[in-house]
Amino acid sequence: MSRVLLIKNANLYDPDPKGIRDILIVDEKVFSVAEHIDPPELSAPVEVVSADGKMVIPGYVDQHVHVIGGGGAKLLGTRLSSLHEEVRDAVKAGVPVEKAIRICGENPARANGLFPKKGCIRPGSDADLVILDEEFLVDTVFVRGQKMVEYGKALVKGTFETD
């Protein structure tokens, strides 16, 4: 059975600002991005998550090609805090959001031959998303459409991705 997730009212950066968008995810992939998407009528249940206008950015890609937290629970804290803190600090210092997140998403994805599968939020890309709160802190993380972090707390421990 397919896993279907609809994220509503996301302040989307891909990494360029796209405004408020809805993101439909089917299984591990982004299926659609639009200004408004109604929950599809499917035989599979549809989980609807409201981003409430929070910033949604592509999942970070480190030089080992893991999305945030790859490498296990111990590294979740270090990778999540160090990589994300660098981005957050750059934004606070005046670097435009799209440039700061491009450094940790699109650029390494391109360098490793993974773009547009990684480093963006577009139809066909892996559903690797980070929802940031108004203080630019990590609220929720989805890896291939599966919720790994919620309210800033890890739900899944271990390696997020293995390839």
C-alpha atoms as a PDB file:
ATOM      1  CA  MET A   1       0.000   0.000   0.000  1.00  0.00           C
ATOM      2  CA  SER A   2       1.304   3.460  -0.841  1.00  0.00           C
ATOM      3  CA  ARG A   3       2.196   5.978   1.835  1.00  0.00           C
ATOM      4  CA  VAL A   4       0.691   9.380   1.011  1.00  0.00           C
ATOM      5  CA  LEU A   5       1.599  12.603   2.790  1.00  0.00           C
ATOM      6  CA  LEU A   6       0.258  16.089   2.062  1.00  0.00           C
ATOM      7  CA  ILE A   7       2.101  19.033   3.593  1.00  0.00           C
ATOM      8  CA  LYS A   8      -0.129  22.119   3.529  1.00  0.00           C
ATOM      9  CA  ASN A   9       0.829  25.796   3.677  1.00  0.00           C
ATOM     10  CA  ALA A  10       4.599  25.409   3.447  1.00  0.00           C
ATOM     11  CA  ASN A  11       6.738  28.513   2.973  1.00  0.00           C
ATOM     12  CA  LEU A  12       8.779  26.660   0.358  1.00  0.00           C
ATOM     13  CA  TYR A  13      12.416  27.236  -0.532  1.00  0.00           C
ATOM     14  CA  ASP A  14      13.663  25.020  -3.371  1.00  0.00           C
ATOM     15  CA  PRO A  15      16.253  26.516  -2.583  1.00  0.00           C
ATOM     16  CA  ASP A  16      14.860  29.714  -4.130  1.00  0.00           C
ATOM     17  CA  PRO A  17      11.777  31.134  -2.400  1.00  0.00           C
ATOM     18  CA  LYS A  18       8.550  29.787  -3.933  1.00  0.00           C
ATOM     19  CA  GLY A  19       6.006  31.241  -1.492  1.00  0.00           C
ATOM     20  CA  ILE A  20       3.253  29.288   0.233  1.00  0.00           C
ATOM     21  CA  ARG A  21       2.866  25.874  -1.404  1.00  0.00           C
ATOM     22  CA  ASP A  22       1.380  22.460  -0.748  1.00  0.00           C
ATOM     23  CA  ILE A  23       3.599  19.401  -1.247  1.00  0.00           C
ATOM     24  CA  LEU A  24       2.157  15.984  -2.087  1.00  0.00           C
ATOM     25  CA  ILE A  25       4.410  13.012  -1.334  1.00  0.00           C
ATOM     26  CA  VAL A  26       3.695   9.480  -2.482  1.00  0.00           C
ATOM     27  CA  ASP A  27       5.885   6.817  -0.903  1.00  0.00           C
ATOM     28  CA  GLU A  28       9.449   8.187  -1.026  1.00  0.00           C
ATOM     29  CA  LYS A  29       9.033  10.813  -3.749  1.00  0.00           C
ATOM     30  CA  VAL A  30       7.649  14.302  -4.171  1.00  0.00           C
ATOM     31  CA  PHE A  31       4.663  13.842  -6.461  1.00  0.00           C
ATOM     32  CA  SER A  32       3.410  17.415  -6.802  1.00  0.00           C
ATOM     33  CA  VAL A  33       4.092  20.963  -5.599  1.00  0.00           C
ATOM     34  CA  ALA A  34       1.385  23.588  -6.104  1.00  0.00           C
ATOM     35  CA  GLU A  35      -0.297  26.604  -4.531  1.00  0.00           C
ATOM     36  CA  HIS A  36      -3.194  24.370  -3.460  1.00  0.00           C
ATOM     37  CA  ILE A  37      -3.579  20.601  -3.457  1.00  0.00           C
ATOM     38  CA  ASP A  38      -6.703  18.891  -2.150  1.00  0.00           C
ATOM     39  CA  PRO A  39      -6.110  15.599  -0.357  1.00  0.00           C
ATOM     40  CA  PRO A  40      -6.471  12.959  -3.060  1.00  0.00           C
ATOM     41  CA  GLU A  41      -9.193  10.350  -2.791  1.00  0.00           C
ATOM     42  CA  LEU A  42      -7.181   7.174  -2.645  1.00  0.00           C
ATOM     43  CA  SER A  43      -7.555   3.734  -1.180  1.00  0.00           C
ATOM     44  CA  ALA A  44      -4.478   4.499   0.942  1.00  0.00           C
ATOM     45  CA  PRO A  45      -4.889   6.845   3.918  1.00  0.00           C
ATOM     46  CA  VAL A  46      -3.567  10.370   3.378  1.00  0.00           C
ATOM     47  CA  GLU A  47      -1.646  11.983   6.251  1.00  0.00           C
ATOM     48  CA  VAL A  48      -2.125  15.747   6.170  1.00  0.00           C
ATOM     49  CA  VAL A  49       0.498  17.871   7.931  1.00  0.00           C
ATOM     50  CA  SER A  50       0.038  21.615   8.294  1.00  0.00           C
ATOM     51  CA  ALA A  51       3.283  23.534   8.005  1.00  0.00           C
ATOM     52  CA  ASP A  52       1.393  26.651   9.171  1.00  0.00           C
ATOM     53  CA  GLY A  53       3.522  28.894   6.948  1.00  0.00           C
ATOM     54  CA  LYS A  54       6.774  27.539   8.391  1.00  0.00           C
ATOM     55  CA  MET A  55       9.798  27.413   6.128  1.00  0.00           C
ATOM     56  CA  VAL A  56      10.255  24.096   4.313  1.00  0.00           C
ATOM     57  CA  ILE A  57      13.642  23.466   2.726  1.00  0.00           C
ATOM     58  CA  PRO A  58      15.298  20.533   0.970  1.00  0.00           C
ATOM     59  CA  GLY A  59      17.011  18.041   3.239  1.00  0.00           C
ATOM     60  CA  TYR A  60      20.668  18.755   3.841  1.00  0.00           C
ATOM     61  CA  VAL A  61      23.184  16.661   1.936  1.00  0.00           C
ATOM     62  CA  ASP A  62      26.559  16.179   3.565  1.00  0.00           C
ATOM     63  CA  GLN A  63      29.650  15.185   1.618  1.00  0.00           C
ATOM     64  CA  HIS A  64      28.977  11.562   2.541  1.00  0.00           C
ATOM     65  CA  VAL A  65      25.604  11.955   0.790  1.00  0.00           C
ATOM     66  CA  HIS A  66      23.418  11.339   3.819  1.00  0.00           C
ATOM     67  CA  VAL A  67      20.450  13.513   4.647  1.00  0.00           C
ATOM     68  CA  ILE A  68      20.489  15.138   8.123  1.00  0.00           C
ATOM     69  CA  GLY A  69      21.479  12.632  10.770  1.00  0.00           C
ATOM     70  CA  GLY A  70      22.912   9.984   8.469  1.00  0.00           C
ATOM     71  CA  GLY A  71      25.350   7.753  10.279  1.00  0.00           C
ATOM     72  CA  GLY A  72      23.310   6.895  13.326  1.00  0.00           C
ATOM     73  CA  ALA A  73      21.816   8.259  16.500  1.00  0.00           C
ATOM     74  CA  LYS A  74      25.097   9.487  17.961  1.00  0.00           C
ATOM     75  CA  LEU A  75      25.788  11.505  14.836  1.00  0.00           C
ATOM     76  CA  LEU A  76      22.239  12.792  14.650  1.00  0.00           C
ATOM     77  CA  GLY A  77      23.047  15.294  17.366  1.00  0.00           C
ATOM     78  CA  THR A  78      26.377  16.353  15.944  1.00  0.00           C
ATOM     79  CA  ARG A  79      25.437  16.482  12.287  1.00  0.00           C
ATOM     80  CA  LEU A  80      22.056  18.035  12.894  1.00  0.00           C
ATOM     81  CA  SER A  81      23.406  20.683  15.200  1.00  0.00           C
ATOM     82  CA  SER A  82      26.676  21.482  13.440  1.00  0.00           C
ATOM     83  CA  LEU A  83      25.431  21.535   9.841  1.00  0.00           C
ATOM     84  CA  HIS A  84      22.161  23.249  10.658  1.00  0.00           C
ATOM     85  CA  GLU A  85      23.797  25.691  13.069  1.00  0.00           C
ATOM     86  CA  GLU A  86      26.151  26.778  10.284  1.00  0.00           C
ATOM     87  CA  VAL A  87      23.183  27.482   8.009  1.00  0.00           C
ATOM     88  CA  ARG A  88      21.233  29.238  10.757  1.00  0.00           C
ATOM     89  CA  ASP A  89      24.242  31.353  11.756  1.00  0.00           C
ATOM     90  CA  ALA A  90      24.875  32.321   8.142  1.00  0.00           C
ATOM     91  CA  VAL A  91      21.244  33.463   7.769  1.00  0.00           C
ATOM     92  CA  LYS A  92      21.427  35.403  11.034  1.00  0.00           C
ATOM     93  CA  ALA A  93      24.607  37.071   9.734  1.00  0.00           C
ATOM     94  CA  GLY A  94      22.725  38.293   6.671  1.00  0.00           C
ATOM     95  CA  VAL A  95      23.315  35.562   4.072  1.00  0.00           C
ATOM     96  CA  PRO A  96      20.090  35.106   2.082  1.00  0.00           C
ATOM     97  CA  VAL A  97      18.259  31.922   3.068  1.00  0.00           C
ATOM     98  CA  GLU A  98      18.375  30.499  -0.457  1.00  0.00           C
ATOM     99  CA  LYS A  99      22.169  30.885  -0.619  1.00  0.00           C
ATOM    100  CA  ALA A 100      22.731  29.373   2.830  1.00  0.00           C
ATOM    101  CA  ILE A 101      20.592  26.298   2.178  1.00  0.00           C
ATOM    102  CA  ARG A 102      21.996  25.840  -1.337  1.00  0.00           C
ATOM    103  CA  ILE A 103      25.430  25.255   0.243  1.00  0.00           C
ATOM    104  CA  CYS A 104      24.102  22.283   2.256  1.00  0.00           C
ATOM    105  CA  GLY A 105      21.646  20.892  -0.282  1.00  0.00           C
ATOM    106  CA  GLU A 106      21.758  21.625  -3.976  1.00  0.00           C
ATOM    107  CA  ASN A 107      25.514  22.217  -4.289  1.00  0.00           C
ATOM    108  CA  PRO A 108      26.678  18.927  -2.708  1.00  0.00           C
ATOM    109  CA  ALA A 109      23.868  17.049  -4.500  1.00  0.00           C
ATOM    110  CA  ARG A 110      25.144  18.421  -7.822  1.00  0.00           C
ATOM    111  CA  ALA A 111      28.779  17.714  -6.889  1.00  0.00           C
ATOM    112  CA  ASN A 112      27.890  14.093  -6.160  1.00  0.00           C
ATOM    113  CA  GLY A 113      25.719  13.609  -9.264  1.00  0.00           C
ATOM    114  CA  LEU A 114      22.512  13.354  -7.220  1.00  0.00           C
ATOM    115  CA  PHE A 115      20.676  16.482  -8.353  1.00  0.00           C
ATOM    116  CA  PRO A 116      17.663  16.683  -8.873  1.00  0.00           C
ATOM    117  CA  LYS A 117      17.001  13.495  -6.881  1.00  0.00           C
ATOM    118  CA  LYS A 118      18.463  15.289  -3.829  1.00  0.00           C
ATOM    119  CA  GLY A 119      18.911  18.969  -2.965  1.00  0.00           C
ATOM    120  CA  CYS A 120      15.493  20.172  -4.131  1.00  0.00           C
ATOM    121  CA  ILE A 121      11.755  19.738  -3.582  1.00  0.00           C
ATOM    122  CA  ARG A 122      10.344  19.009  -7.032  1.00  0.00           C
ATOM    123  CA  PRO A 123       8.180  16.288  -8.574  1.00  0.00           C
ATOM    124  CA  GLY A 124      10.288  13.142  -8.809  1.00  0.00           C
ATOM    125  CA  SER A 125      12.848  14.178  -6.179  1.00  0.00           C
ATOM    126  CA  ASP A 126      13.318  12.198  -2.977  1.00  0.00           C
ATOM    127  CA  ALA A 127      10.947  13.464  -0.294  1.00  0.00           C
ATOM    128  CA  ASP A 128      13.741  14.787   1.960  1.00  0.00           C
ATOM    129  CA  LEU A 129      12.365  17.885   3.679  1.00  0.00           C
ATOM    130  CA  VAL A 130      13.177  19.985   6.725  1.00  0.00           C
ATOM    131  CA  ILE A 131      10.509  22.150   8.350  1.00  0.00           C
ATOM    132  CA  LEU A 132      11.974  25.071  10.284  1.00  0.00           C
ATOM    133  CA  ASP A 133      10.167  27.094  12.921  1.00  0.00           C
ATOM    134  CA  GLU A 134      10.049  30.886  13.076  1.00  0.00           C
ATOM    135  CA  GLU A 135      13.377  30.939  14.940  1.00  0.00           C
ATOM    136  CA  PHE A 136      15.014  28.847  12.173  1.00  0.00           C
ATOM    137  CA  LEU A 137      15.167  25.802  14.448  1.00  0.00           C
ATOM    138  CA  VAL A 138      14.459  22.309  13.127  1.00  0.00           C
ATOM    139  CA  ASP A 139      10.841  21.359  13.776  1.00  0.00           C
ATOM    140  CA  THR A 140      10.257  18.331  11.531  1.00  0.00           C
ATOM    141  CA  VAL A 141      12.400  16.223   9.198  1.00  0.00           C
ATOM    142  CA  PHE A 142      11.122  13.860   6.515  1.00  0.00           C
ATOM    143  CA  VAL A 143      13.522  11.465   4.818  1.00  0.00           C
ATOM    144  CA  ARG A 144      12.118   9.782   1.721  1.00  0.00           C
ATOM    145  CA  GLY A 145       8.675  10.724   2.972  1.00  0.00           C
ATOM    146  CA  GLN A 146       9.063   9.188   6.420  1.00  0.00           C
ATOM    147  CA  LYS A 147       8.905  11.451   9.476  1.00  0.00           C
ATOM    148  CA  MET A 148      12.208  11.158  11.336  1.00  0.00           C
ATOM    149  CA  VAL A 149      12.100  14.228  13.589  1.00  0.00           C
ATOM    150  CA  GLU A 150       9.024  15.923  15.041  1.00  0.00           C
ATOM    151  CA  TYR A 151       8.941  18.989  17.286  1.00  0.00           C
ATOM    152  CA  GLY A 152      12.753  18.909  17.207  1.00  0.00           C
ATOM    153  CA  LYS A 153      12.940  15.385  18.701  1.00  0.00           C
ATOM    154  CA  ALA A 154      14.222  12.296  16.884  1.00  0.00           C
ATOM    155  CA  LEU A 155      11.498   9.715  16.235  1.00  0.00           C
ATOM    156  CA  VAL A 156      13.828   7.312  14.440  1.00  0.00           C
ATOM    157  CA  LYS A 157      17.286   6.444  15.625  1.00  0.00           C
ATOM    158  CA  GLY A 158      19.946   4.966  13.414  1.00  0.00           C
ATOM    159  CA  THR A 159      20.891   5.593   9.832  1.00  0.00           C
ATOM    160  CA  PHE A 160      18.342   7.637   7.899  1.00  0.00           C
ATOM    161  CA  GLU A 161      19.680   6.575   4.517  1.00  0.00           C
ATOM    162  CA  THR A 162      22.017   3.830   3.438  1.00  0.00           C
ATOM    163  CA  ASP A 163      22.696   4.656  -0.211  1.00  0.00           C
END
